[in-house]
């Protein structure tokens, strides 16, 4: 493992990948003993990169309860400025990028969103009926089919330039899944994956949906983790277009209401661990106009 990791470092920053990747996290091949035995080495490497300024820097913002279209516009704006900066740095070798990657944490009012490859027939109510349950319908540009967002659900939108990490969408999705799998382990829940299906599952029940869009290796959209979500809203759709699969939440699995702020902090911790990022404090999001706060 040592030679593999060092080789990745020498190749360059864009090829760096956490040690945990080589341990195949979140799969049946995971060996917890190895994780414990190599923990001291991994932490030493983490501190080395942090102190050397080599680690990617990530700005994180908790936007609170935000209408879906507003959050979507913010994502598109951040993605575009990262793309514009990357293209400028390619054309002008003397230009040094100044923008960091961004992770937005939000909750949405009741909304059903449909990915660009989704089937609107999986929405089981008319638009008029959606108004009766105080929900809206928004077709968007992410991958995947239909899903629900609402209060009590933590939605994460990582806007990352994958050229700074690795250019592999499947690897990116598996890492996002691993973040949520590790959060679940904090609640003594054994979460995992189902072959051929994206997202995080507990047995045959989907706990966290995922759908992304990537342009010039800059990501947007992300994951939706059901914490204290009203699961009745999923009855009005075929979730993710998958027949015969139920949806669950941390509250349902634990039998109690879950502290949402605690879950947010756990997401941040495991995200930083798996993506090897350093959080930037006191950052200001140009798109926010001062209305959102930094999530510490």
C-alpha atoms as a PDB file:
ATOM      1  CA  UNK A   1       0.000   0.000   0.000  1.00  0.00           C
ATOM      2  CA  UNK A   2       2.818   2.403   0.822  1.00  0.00           C
ATOM      3  CA  UNK A   3       4.394   2.241  -2.640  1.00  0.00           C
ATOM      4  CA  UNK A   4       1.017   2.620  -4.352  1.00  0.00           C
ATOM      5  CA  UNK A   5       0.135   5.748  -2.405  1.00  0.00           C
ATOM      6  CA  UNK A   6       3.544   7.362  -2.839  1.00  0.00           C
ATOM      7  CA  UNK A   7       3.466   6.632  -6.554  1.00  0.00           C
ATOM      8  CA  UNK A   8       0.139   8.440  -6.796  1.00  0.00           C
ATOM      9  CA  UNK A   9       1.582  11.456  -4.994  1.00  0.00           C
ATOM     10  CA  UNK A  10       4.619  11.641  -7.248  1.00  0.00           C
ATOM     11  CA  UNK A  11       2.512  11.464 -10.408  1.00  0.00           C
ATOM     12  CA  UNK A  12       0.801  14.680  -9.428  1.00  0.00           C
ATOM     13  CA  UNK A  13      -1.925  16.338  -7.492  1.00  0.00           C
ATOM     14  CA  UNK A  14      -4.652  15.495  -9.982  1.00  0.00           C
ATOM     15  CA  UNK A  15      -3.905  11.780  -9.526  1.00  0.00           C
ATOM     16  CA  UNK A  16      -3.967  11.797  -5.740  1.00  0.00           C
ATOM     17  CA  UNK A  17      -6.508   9.493  -4.183  1.00  0.00           C
ATOM     18  CA  UNK A  18      -7.079   8.696  -0.510  1.00  0.00           C
ATOM     19  CA  UNK A  19      -5.453   5.609   0.980  1.00  0.00           C
ATOM     20  CA  UNK A  20      -8.944   4.358   1.813  1.00  0.00           C
ATOM     21  CA  UNK A  21      -9.601   3.871  -1.890  1.00  0.00           C
ATOM     22  CA  UNK A  22      -7.058   1.096  -2.004  1.00  0.00           C
ATOM     23  CA  UNK A  23      -8.832  -0.502   0.947  1.00  0.00           C
ATOM     24  CA  UNK A  24     -12.016  -0.677  -1.162  1.00  0.00           C
ATOM     25  CA  UNK A  25     -14.198   1.218   1.341  1.00  0.00           C
ATOM     26  CA  UNK A  26     -17.818   0.301   1.870  1.00  0.00           C
ATOM     27  CA  UNK A  27     -17.595  -3.061   0.107  1.00  0.00           C
ATOM     28  CA  UNK A  28     -17.492  -6.627   1.381  1.00  0.00           C
ATOM     29  CA  UNK A  29     -13.734  -6.502   0.730  1.00  0.00           C
ATOM     30  CA  UNK A  30     -13.249  -3.788   3.342  1.00  0.00           C
ATOM     31  CA  UNK A  31     -10.814  -4.848   6.056  1.00  0.00           C
ATOM     32  CA  UNK A  32     -11.376  -2.696   9.181  1.00  0.00           C
ATOM     33  CA  UNK A  33      -8.243  -4.087  10.785  1.00  0.00           C
ATOM     34  CA  UNK A  34      -6.113  -2.622   8.029  1.00  0.00           C
ATOM     35  CA  UNK A  35      -7.826   0.717   8.438  1.00  0.00           C
ATOM     36  CA  UNK A  36      -6.965   0.776  12.115  1.00  0.00           C
ATOM     37  CA  UNK A  37      -3.401  -0.356  11.596  1.00  0.00           C
ATOM     38  CA  UNK A  38      -2.699   2.247   8.903  1.00  0.00           C
ATOM     39  CA  UNK A  39      -4.555   5.079  10.615  1.00  0.00           C
ATOM     40  CA  UNK A  40      -1.407   6.611  12.110  1.00  0.00           C
ATOM     41  CA  UNK A  41       0.288   6.619   8.718  1.00  0.00           C
ATOM     42  CA  UNK A  42      -2.710   8.127   6.993  1.00  0.00           C
ATOM     43  CA  UNK A  43      -3.031  10.898   9.571  1.00  0.00           C
ATOM     44  CA  UNK A  44       0.686  11.684   9.233  1.00  0.00           C
ATOM     45  CA  UNK A  45       0.296  12.004   5.465  1.00  0.00           C
ATOM     46  CA  UNK A  46      -2.813  14.161   5.966  1.00  0.00           C
ATOM     47  CA  UNK A  47      -0.907  16.559   8.226  1.00  0.00           C
ATOM     48  CA  UNK A  48       2.029  16.628   5.806  1.00  0.00           C
ATOM     49  CA  UNK A  49      -0.158  17.738   2.905  1.00  0.00           C
ATOM     50  CA  UNK A  50      -2.083  20.207   5.052  1.00  0.00           C
ATOM     51  CA  UNK A  51       1.075  21.883   6.279  1.00  0.00           C
ATOM     52  CA  UNK A  52       2.678  21.908   2.838  1.00  0.00           C
ATOM     53  CA  UNK A  53      -0.287  23.661   1.198  1.00  0.00           C
ATOM     54  CA  UNK A  54      -0.630  20.710  -1.184  1.00  0.00           C
ATOM     55  CA  UNK A  55      -4.169  19.745  -0.178  1.00  0.00           C
ATOM     56  CA  UNK A  56      -7.194  20.952  -2.096  1.00  0.00           C
ATOM     57  CA  UNK A  57      -9.108  23.647  -0.268  1.00  0.00           C
ATOM     58  CA  UNK A  58     -12.882  23.451   0.056  1.00  0.00           C
ATOM     59  CA  UNK A  59     -15.341  26.178   0.991  1.00  0.00           C
ATOM     60  CA  UNK A  60     -18.494  24.901   2.680  1.00  0.00           C
ATOM     61  CA  UNK A  61     -21.718  26.833   3.118  1.00  0.00           C
ATOM     62  CA  UNK A  62     -24.951  25.950   4.892  1.00  0.00           C
ATOM     63  CA  UNK A  63     -27.668  27.703   2.911  1.00  0.00           C
ATOM     64  CA  UNK A  64     -30.489  26.491   5.160  1.00  0.00           C
ATOM     65  CA  UNK A  65     -33.961  26.075   3.624  1.00  0.00           C
ATOM     66  CA  UNK A  66     -33.668  27.293   0.034  1.00  0.00           C
ATOM     67  CA  UNK A  67     -36.060  26.953  -2.931  1.00  0.00           C
ATOM     68  CA  UNK A  68     -34.729  24.399  -5.389  1.00  0.00           C
ATOM     69  CA  UNK A  69     -34.378  26.753  -8.355  1.00  0.00           C
ATOM     70  CA  UNK A  70     -32.425  29.267  -6.269  1.00  0.00           C
ATOM     71  CA  UNK A  71     -29.915  26.620  -5.174  1.00  0.00           C
ATOM     72  CA  UNK A  72     -29.696  25.332  -8.751  1.00  0.00           C
ATOM     73  CA  UNK A  73     -28.851  28.814 -10.048  1.00  0.00           C
ATOM     74  CA  UNK A  74     -26.162  29.206  -7.389  1.00  0.00           C
ATOM     75  CA  UNK A  75     -24.631  25.868  -8.363  1.00  0.00           C
ATOM     76  CA  UNK A  76     -24.573  26.784 -12.040  1.00  0.00           C
ATOM     77  CA  UNK A  77     -22.887  30.090 -11.272  1.00  0.00           C
ATOM     78  CA  UNK A  78     -20.176  28.470  -9.125  1.00  0.00           C
ATOM     79  CA  UNK A  79     -19.600  25.736 -11.684  1.00  0.00           C
ATOM     80  CA  UNK A  80     -19.239  28.268 -14.486  1.00  0.00           C
ATOM     81  CA  UNK A  81     -16.707  30.435 -12.650  1.00  0.00           C
ATOM     82  CA  UNK A  82     -14.604  27.364 -11.874  1.00  0.00           C
ATOM     83  CA  UNK A  83     -14.748  26.358 -15.542  1.00  0.00           C
ATOM     84  CA  UNK A  84     -13.925  29.887 -16.727  1.00  0.00           C
ATOM     85  CA  UNK A  85     -10.956  30.067 -14.376  1.00  0.00           C
ATOM     86  CA  UNK A  86      -9.676  26.673 -15.501  1.00  0.00           C
ATOM     87  CA  UNK A  87      -9.884  27.631 -19.172  1.00  0.00           C
ATOM     88  CA  UNK A  88      -8.111  30.912 -18.490  1.00  0.00           C
ATOM     89  CA  UNK A  89      -5.297  29.136 -16.654  1.00  0.00           C
ATOM     90  CA  UNK A  90      -4.849  26.823 -19.648  1.00  0.00           C
ATOM     91  CA  UNK A  91      -4.623  29.732 -22.077  1.00  0.00           C
ATOM     92  CA  UNK A  92      -2.449  31.900 -19.848  1.00  0.00           C
ATOM     93  CA  UNK A  93       0.273  29.891 -18.056  1.00  0.00           C
ATOM     94  CA  UNK A  94       1.105  32.858 -15.832  1.00  0.00           C
ATOM     95  CA  UNK A  95      -2.455  32.970 -14.450  1.00  0.00           C
ATOM     96  CA  UNK A  96      -2.899  31.324 -11.067  1.00  0.00           C
ATOM     97  CA  UNK A  97      -6.393  30.046 -10.127  1.00  0.00           C
ATOM     98  CA  UNK A  98      -7.849  31.690  -7.038  1.00  0.00           C
ATOM     99  CA  UNK A  99     -11.204  29.958  -6.610  1.00  0.00           C
ATOM    100  CA  UNK A 100     -11.622  26.968  -4.307  1.00  0.00           C
ATOM    101  CA  UNK A 101     -14.026  24.089  -4.718  1.00  0.00           C
ATOM    102  CA  UNK A 102     -17.346  24.459  -2.922  1.00  0.00           C
ATOM    103  CA  UNK A 103     -19.685  22.192  -0.959  1.00  0.00           C
ATOM    104  CA  UNK A 104     -23.207  23.527  -0.432  1.00  0.00           C
ATOM    105  CA  UNK A 105     -25.403  22.014   2.279  1.00  0.00           C
ATOM    106  CA  UNK A 106     -29.106  22.773   1.927  1.00  0.00           C
ATOM    107  CA  UNK A 107     -32.661  21.712   2.629  1.00  0.00           C
ATOM    108  CA  UNK A 108     -35.436  22.363   0.135  1.00  0.00           C
ATOM    109  CA  UNK A 109     -39.171  23.022   0.405  1.00  0.00           C
ATOM    110  CA  UNK A 110     -41.202  20.148  -1.054  1.00  0.00           C
ATOM    111  CA  UNK A 111     -40.080  19.551  -4.633  1.00  0.00           C
ATOM    112  CA  UNK A 112     -39.847  16.706  -7.124  1.00  0.00           C
ATOM    113  CA  UNK A 113     -36.958  16.886  -9.572  1.00  0.00           C
ATOM    114  CA  UNK A 114     -36.530  14.870 -12.745  1.00  0.00           C
ATOM    115  CA  UNK A 115     -33.134  14.158 -14.291  1.00  0.00           C
ATOM    116  CA  UNK A 116     -32.530  14.738 -17.987  1.00  0.00           C
ATOM    117  CA  UNK A 117     -32.755  11.015 -18.740  1.00  0.00           C
ATOM    118  CA  UNK A 118     -35.740  10.423 -16.454  1.00  0.00           C
ATOM    119  CA  UNK A 119     -39.300   9.451 -17.284  1.00  0.00           C
ATOM    120  CA  UNK A 120     -42.021  11.909 -16.248  1.00  0.00           C
ATOM    121  CA  UNK A 121     -44.434   8.974 -16.025  1.00  0.00           C
ATOM    122  CA  UNK A 122     -42.686   8.211 -12.719  1.00  0.00           C
ATOM    123  CA  UNK A 123     -44.423  11.292 -11.292  1.00  0.00           C
ATOM    124  CA  UNK A 124     -47.708   9.792 -10.104  1.00  0.00           C
ATOM    125  CA  UNK A 125     -49.586  13.045  -9.460  1.00  0.00           C
ATOM    126  CA  UNK A 126     -50.643  15.856 -11.757  1.00  0.00           C
ATOM    127  CA  UNK A 127     -49.131  19.323 -11.395  1.00  0.00           C
ATOM    128  CA  UNK A 128     -52.461  20.504  -9.978  1.00  0.00           C
ATOM    129  CA  UNK A 129     -52.382  17.742  -7.348  1.00  0.00           C
ATOM    130  CA  UNK A 130     -48.814  18.733  -6.419  1.00  0.00           C
ATOM    131  CA  UNK A 131     -50.069  22.202  -5.518  1.00  0.00           C
ATOM    132  CA  UNK A 132     -52.497  20.598  -3.090  1.00  0.00           C
ATOM    133  CA  UNK A 133     -49.587  19.049  -1.178  1.00  0.00           C
ATOM    134  CA  UNK A 134     -47.520  22.251  -1.389  1.00  0.00           C
ATOM    135  CA  UNK A 135     -44.975  20.739  -3.770  1.00  0.00           C
ATOM    136  CA  UNK A 136     -43.544  21.713  -7.143  1.00  0.00           C
ATOM    137  CA  UNK A 137     -42.042  19.832 -10.056  1.00  0.00           C
ATOM    138  CA  UNK A 138     -38.700  20.835 -11.604  1.00  0.00           C
ATOM    139  CA  UNK A 139     -37.060  19.053 -14.551  1.00  0.00           C
ATOM    140  CA  UNK A 140     -33.310  19.610 -14.312  1.00  0.00           C
ATOM    141  CA  UNK A 141     -29.985  18.798 -15.956  1.00  0.00           C
ATOM    142  CA  UNK A 142     -28.586  16.126 -13.641  1.00  0.00           C
ATOM    143  CA  UNK A 143     -28.350  12.427 -14.316  1.00  0.00           C
ATOM    144  CA  UNK A 144     -30.836   9.967 -12.911  1.00  0.00           C
ATOM    145  CA  UNK A 145     -34.616   9.833 -12.753  1.00  0.00           C
ATOM    146  CA  UNK A 146     -37.142  11.393 -10.386  1.00  0.00           C
ATOM    147  CA  UNK A 147     -36.608  12.070  -6.699  1.00  0.00           C
ATOM    148  CA  UNK A 148     -38.078  14.095  -3.854  1.00  0.00           C
ATOM    149  CA  UNK A 149     -36.492  16.830  -1.747  1.00  0.00           C
ATOM    150  CA  UNK A 150     -38.046  18.337   1.346  1.00  0.00           C
ATOM    151  CA  UNK A 151     -37.575  19.487   4.928  1.00  0.00           C
ATOM    152  CA  UNK A 152     -35.657  17.047   7.114  1.00  0.00           C
ATOM    153  CA  UNK A 153     -33.520  15.895   4.192  1.00  0.00           C
ATOM    154  CA  UNK A 154     -29.884  17.009   3.916  1.00  0.00           C
ATOM    155  CA  UNK A 155     -28.900  17.792   0.350  1.00  0.00           C
ATOM    156  CA  UNK A 156     -25.224  18.177  -0.510  1.00  0.00           C
ATOM    157  CA  UNK A 157     -23.995  19.867  -3.671  1.00  0.00           C
ATOM    158  CA  UNK A 158     -20.230  19.387  -4.136  1.00  0.00           C
ATOM    159  CA  UNK A 159     -18.962  21.651  -6.902  1.00  0.00           C
ATOM    160  CA  UNK A 160     -15.504  20.217  -7.462  1.00  0.00           C
ATOM    161  CA  UNK A 161     -12.974  20.513 -10.236  1.00  0.00           C
ATOM    162  CA  UNK A 162     -12.129  16.829 -10.569  1.00  0.00           C
ATOM    163  CA  UNK A 163      -8.940  17.746 -12.441  1.00  0.00           C
ATOM    164  CA  UNK A 164      -7.679  18.539  -8.942  1.00  0.00           C
ATOM    165  CA  UNK A 165      -8.498  15.033  -7.692  1.00  0.00           C
ATOM    166  CA  UNK A 166      -9.046  12.356 -10.349  1.00  0.00           C
ATOM    167  CA  UNK A 167     -10.977  12.325 -13.618  1.00  0.00           C
ATOM    168  CA  UNK A 168     -13.232   9.353 -12.993  1.00  0.00           C
ATOM    169  CA  UNK A 169     -16.980   9.857 -12.515  1.00  0.00           C
ATOM    170  CA  UNK A 170     -17.571   6.331 -11.202  1.00  0.00           C
ATOM    171  CA  UNK A 171     -14.864   6.779  -8.595  1.00  0.00           C
ATOM    172  CA  UNK A 172     -16.376  10.132  -7.622  1.00  0.00           C
ATOM    173  CA  UNK A 173     -19.812   8.593  -7.084  1.00  0.00           C
ATOM    174  CA  UNK A 174     -18.378   5.714  -5.082  1.00  0.00           C
ATOM    175  CA  UNK A 175     -16.617   8.212  -2.809  1.00  0.00           C
ATOM    176  CA  UNK A 176     -19.829  10.189  -2.284  1.00  0.00           C
ATOM    177  CA  UNK A 177     -21.557   6.940  -1.375  1.00  0.00           C
ATOM    178  CA  UNK A 178     -18.759   6.096   1.034  1.00  0.00           C
ATOM    179  CA  UNK A 179     -19.202   9.425   2.820  1.00  0.00           C
ATOM    180  CA  UNK A 180     -22.822   8.530   3.570  1.00  0.00           C
ATOM    181  CA  UNK A 181     -21.992   4.916   4.418  1.00  0.00           C
ATOM    182  CA  UNK A 182     -19.543   6.156   7.052  1.00  0.00           C
ATOM    183  CA  UNK A 183     -22.069   8.633   8.423  1.00  0.00           C
ATOM    184  CA  UNK A 184     -24.510   5.748   8.855  1.00  0.00           C
ATOM    185  CA  UNK A 185     -21.901   3.746  10.732  1.00  0.00           C
ATOM    186  CA  UNK A 186     -21.862   6.550  13.331  1.00  0.00           C
ATOM    187  CA  UNK A 187     -25.456   5.524  14.098  1.00  0.00           C
ATOM    188  CA  UNK A 188     -24.591   1.806  14.175  1.00  0.00           C
ATOM    189  CA  UNK A 189     -26.324   1.295  10.831  1.00  0.00           C
ATOM    190  CA  UNK A 190     -24.884  -1.037   8.226  1.00  0.00           C
ATOM    191  CA  UNK A 191     -25.416   0.791   4.960  1.00  0.00           C
ATOM    192  CA  UNK A 192     -24.019  -0.193   1.588  1.00  0.00           C
ATOM    193  CA  UNK A 193     -24.509  -0.374  -2.159  1.00  0.00           C
ATOM    194  CA  UNK A 194     -26.594  -2.475  -4.535  1.00  0.00           C
ATOM    195  CA  UNK A 195     -24.894  -3.614  -7.719  1.00  0.00           C
ATOM    196  CA  UNK A 196     -26.011  -1.589 -10.711  1.00  0.00           C
ATOM    197  CA  UNK A 197     -27.806   1.059  -8.635  1.00  0.00           C
ATOM    198  CA  UNK A 198     -26.399   4.394  -7.521  1.00  0.00           C
ATOM    199  CA  UNK A 199     -26.931   5.617  -3.971  1.00  0.00           C
ATOM    200  CA  UNK A 200     -26.775   4.278  -0.438  1.00  0.00           C
ATOM    201  CA  UNK A 201     -29.021   1.505   0.797  1.00  0.00           C
ATOM    202  CA  UNK A 202     -29.861  -0.236   4.056  1.00  0.00           C
ATOM    203  CA  UNK A 203     -30.926  -3.727   3.080  1.00  0.00           C
ATOM    204  CA  UNK A 204     -33.412  -3.142   0.233  1.00  0.00           C
ATOM    205  CA  UNK A 205     -34.353   0.387   1.259  1.00  0.00           C
ATOM    206  CA  UNK A 206     -32.836   3.500  -0.272  1.00  0.00           C
ATOM    207  CA  UNK A 207     -31.523   5.983   2.259  1.00  0.00           C
ATOM    208  CA  UNK A 208     -29.611   8.400   0.045  1.00  0.00           C
ATOM    209  CA  UNK A 209     -30.194   9.285  -3.605  1.00  0.00           C
ATOM    210  CA  UNK A 210     -27.496  10.675  -5.891  1.00  0.00           C
ATOM    211  CA  UNK A 211     -27.432  12.417  -9.234  1.00  0.00           C
ATOM    212  CA  UNK A 212     -24.771  14.656 -10.722  1.00  0.00           C
ATOM    213  CA  UNK A 213     -23.811  16.701 -13.735  1.00  0.00           C
ATOM    214  CA  UNK A 214     -20.227  17.217 -14.833  1.00  0.00           C
ATOM    215  CA  UNK A 215     -18.940  19.768 -17.350  1.00  0.00           C
ATOM    216  CA  UNK A 216     -15.215  19.983 -18.172  1.00  0.00           C
ATOM    217  CA  UNK A 217     -14.712  17.809 -15.073  1.00  0.00           C
ATOM    218  CA  UNK A 218     -16.428  20.323 -12.782  1.00  0.00           C
ATOM    219  CA  UNK A 219     -19.300  18.706 -10.888  1.00  0.00           C
ATOM    220  CA  UNK A 220     -22.651  19.949  -9.628  1.00  0.00           C
ATOM    221  CA  UNK A 221     -25.774  18.458  -8.046  1.00  0.00           C
ATOM    222  CA  UNK A 222     -24.960  15.663  -5.580  1.00  0.00           C
ATOM    223  CA  UNK A 223     -26.655  13.642  -2.832  1.00  0.00           C
ATOM    224  CA  UNK A 224     -29.884  13.730  -0.821  1.00  0.00           C
ATOM    225  CA  UNK A 225     -29.798  12.008   2.573  1.00  0.00           C
ATOM    226  CA  UNK A 226     -33.106  11.316   4.290  1.00  0.00           C
ATOM    227  CA  UNK A 227     -32.713  12.238   7.956  1.00  0.00           C
ATOM    228  CA  UNK A 228     -36.104  13.240   9.400  1.00  0.00           C
ATOM    229  CA  UNK A 229     -37.822  13.310   6.015  1.00  0.00           C
ATOM    230  CA  UNK A 230     -41.582  12.866   5.664  1.00  0.00           C
ATOM    231  CA  UNK A 231     -41.450   9.652   3.642  1.00  0.00           C
ATOM    232  CA  UNK A 232     -45.115   9.943   2.616  1.00  0.00           C
ATOM    233  CA  UNK A 233     -44.015  12.306  -0.151  1.00  0.00           C
ATOM    234  CA  UNK A 234     -42.194   9.439  -1.860  1.00  0.00           C
ATOM    235  CA  UNK A 235     -45.555   7.712  -2.377  1.00  0.00           C
ATOM    236  CA  UNK A 236     -46.322  10.174  -5.159  1.00  0.00           C
ATOM    237  CA  UNK A 237     -43.429   9.033  -7.372  1.00  0.00           C
ATOM    238  CA  UNK A 238     -41.529   5.941  -8.440  1.00  0.00           C
ATOM    239  CA  UNK A 239     -38.343   6.944  -6.557  1.00  0.00           C
ATOM    240  CA  UNK A 240     -35.372   7.113  -8.915  1.00  0.00           C
ATOM    241  CA  UNK A 241     -37.497   5.218 -11.436  1.00  0.00           C
ATOM    242  CA  UNK A 242     -36.848   1.960  -9.589  1.00  0.00           C
ATOM    243  CA  UNK A 243     -39.867  -0.294  -9.129  1.00  0.00           C
ATOM    244  CA  UNK A 244     -40.266  -2.411  -6.003  1.00  0.00           C
ATOM    245  CA  UNK A 245     -37.751  -0.603  -3.787  1.00  0.00           C
ATOM    246  CA  UNK A 246     -38.702   1.236  -0.604  1.00  0.00           C
ATOM    247  CA  UNK A 247     -37.269   4.475   0.750  1.00  0.00           C
ATOM    248  CA  UNK A 248     -36.143   4.985   4.331  1.00  0.00           C
ATOM    249  CA  UNK A 249     -34.622   7.617   6.615  1.00  0.00           C
ATOM    250  CA  UNK A 250     -32.238   7.806   9.539  1.00  0.00           C
ATOM    251  CA  UNK A 251     -35.205   8.610  11.783  1.00  0.00           C
ATOM    252  CA  UNK A 252     -37.086   5.519  10.642  1.00  0.00           C
ATOM    253  CA  UNK A 253     -34.046   3.272  10.975  1.00  0.00           C
ATOM    254  CA  UNK A 254     -33.096   4.517  14.438  1.00  0.00           C
ATOM    255  CA  UNK A 255     -36.631   4.884  15.747  1.00  0.00           C
ATOM    256  CA  UNK A 256     -36.102   8.483  16.814  1.00  0.00           C
ATOM    257  CA  UNK A 257     -35.698  12.019  15.499  1.00  0.00           C
ATOM    258  CA  UNK A 258     -32.085  12.614  14.499  1.00  0.00           C
ATOM    259  CA  UNK A 259     -30.079  15.775  15.168  1.00  0.00           C
ATOM    260  CA  UNK A 260     -29.680  17.267  11.672  1.00  0.00           C
ATOM    261  CA  UNK A 261     -26.791  19.509  12.704  1.00  0.00           C
ATOM    262  CA  UNK A 262     -24.898  16.488  14.006  1.00  0.00           C
ATOM    263  CA  UNK A 263     -25.390  14.709  10.688  1.00  0.00           C
ATOM    264  CA  UNK A 264     -24.105  17.749   8.786  1.00  0.00           C
ATOM    265  CA  UNK A 265     -20.923  17.779  10.854  1.00  0.00           C
ATOM    266  CA  UNK A 266     -20.421  14.063  10.290  1.00  0.00           C
ATOM    267  CA  UNK A 267     -20.839  14.561   6.542  1.00  0.00           C
ATOM    268  CA  UNK A 268     -18.195  17.295   6.592  1.00  0.00           C
ATOM    269  CA  UNK A 269     -15.793  15.173   8.590  1.00  0.00           C
ATOM    270  CA  UNK A 270     -16.014  12.111   6.377  1.00  0.00           C
ATOM    271  CA  UNK A 271     -16.041  14.183   3.200  1.00  0.00           C
ATOM    272  CA  UNK A 272     -12.776  15.847   4.205  1.00  0.00           C
ATOM    273  CA  UNK A 273     -11.287  12.490   5.154  1.00  0.00           C
ATOM    274  CA  UNK A 274     -12.168  10.735   1.906  1.00  0.00           C
ATOM    275  CA  UNK A 275     -11.493  13.582  -0.511  1.00  0.00           C
ATOM    276  CA  UNK A 276      -8.391  14.768   1.380  1.00  0.00           C
ATOM    277  CA  UNK A 277      -9.512  18.402   1.510  1.00  0.00           C
ATOM    278  CA  UNK A 278      -8.871  21.245   3.898  1.00  0.00           C
ATOM    279  CA  UNK A 279     -11.874  23.392   4.784  1.00  0.00           C
ATOM    280  CA  UNK A 280     -11.553  27.147   4.298  1.00  0.00           C
ATOM    281  CA  UNK A 281     -13.008  29.175   7.128  1.00  0.00           C
ATOM    282  CA  UNK A 282     -14.305  32.733   6.829  1.00  0.00           C
ATOM    283  CA  UNK A 283     -14.755  32.318   3.090  1.00  0.00           C
ATOM    284  CA  UNK A 284     -17.312  34.408   1.228  1.00  0.00           C
ATOM    285  CA  UNK A 285     -19.489  32.988  -1.500  1.00  0.00           C
ATOM    286  CA  UNK A 286     -19.883  35.588  -4.274  1.00  0.00           C
ATOM    287  CA  UNK A 287     -23.248  34.136  -5.290  1.00  0.00           C
ATOM    288  CA  UNK A 288     -24.680  34.428  -1.773  1.00  0.00           C
ATOM    289  CA  UNK A 289     -24.645  38.235  -1.456  1.00  0.00           C
ATOM    290  CA  UNK A 290     -23.941  37.824   2.246  1.00  0.00           C
ATOM    291  CA  UNK A 291     -27.162  35.980   3.085  1.00  0.00           C
ATOM    292  CA  UNK A 292     -25.678  32.559   3.878  1.00  0.00           C
ATOM    293  CA  UNK A 293     -23.339  31.554   6.698  1.00  0.00           C
ATOM    294  CA  UNK A 294     -20.228  29.411   6.763  1.00  0.00           C
ATOM    295  CA  UNK A 295     -20.869  25.922   8.134  1.00  0.00           C
ATOM    296  CA  UNK A 296     -18.206  25.156  10.731  1.00  0.00           C
END
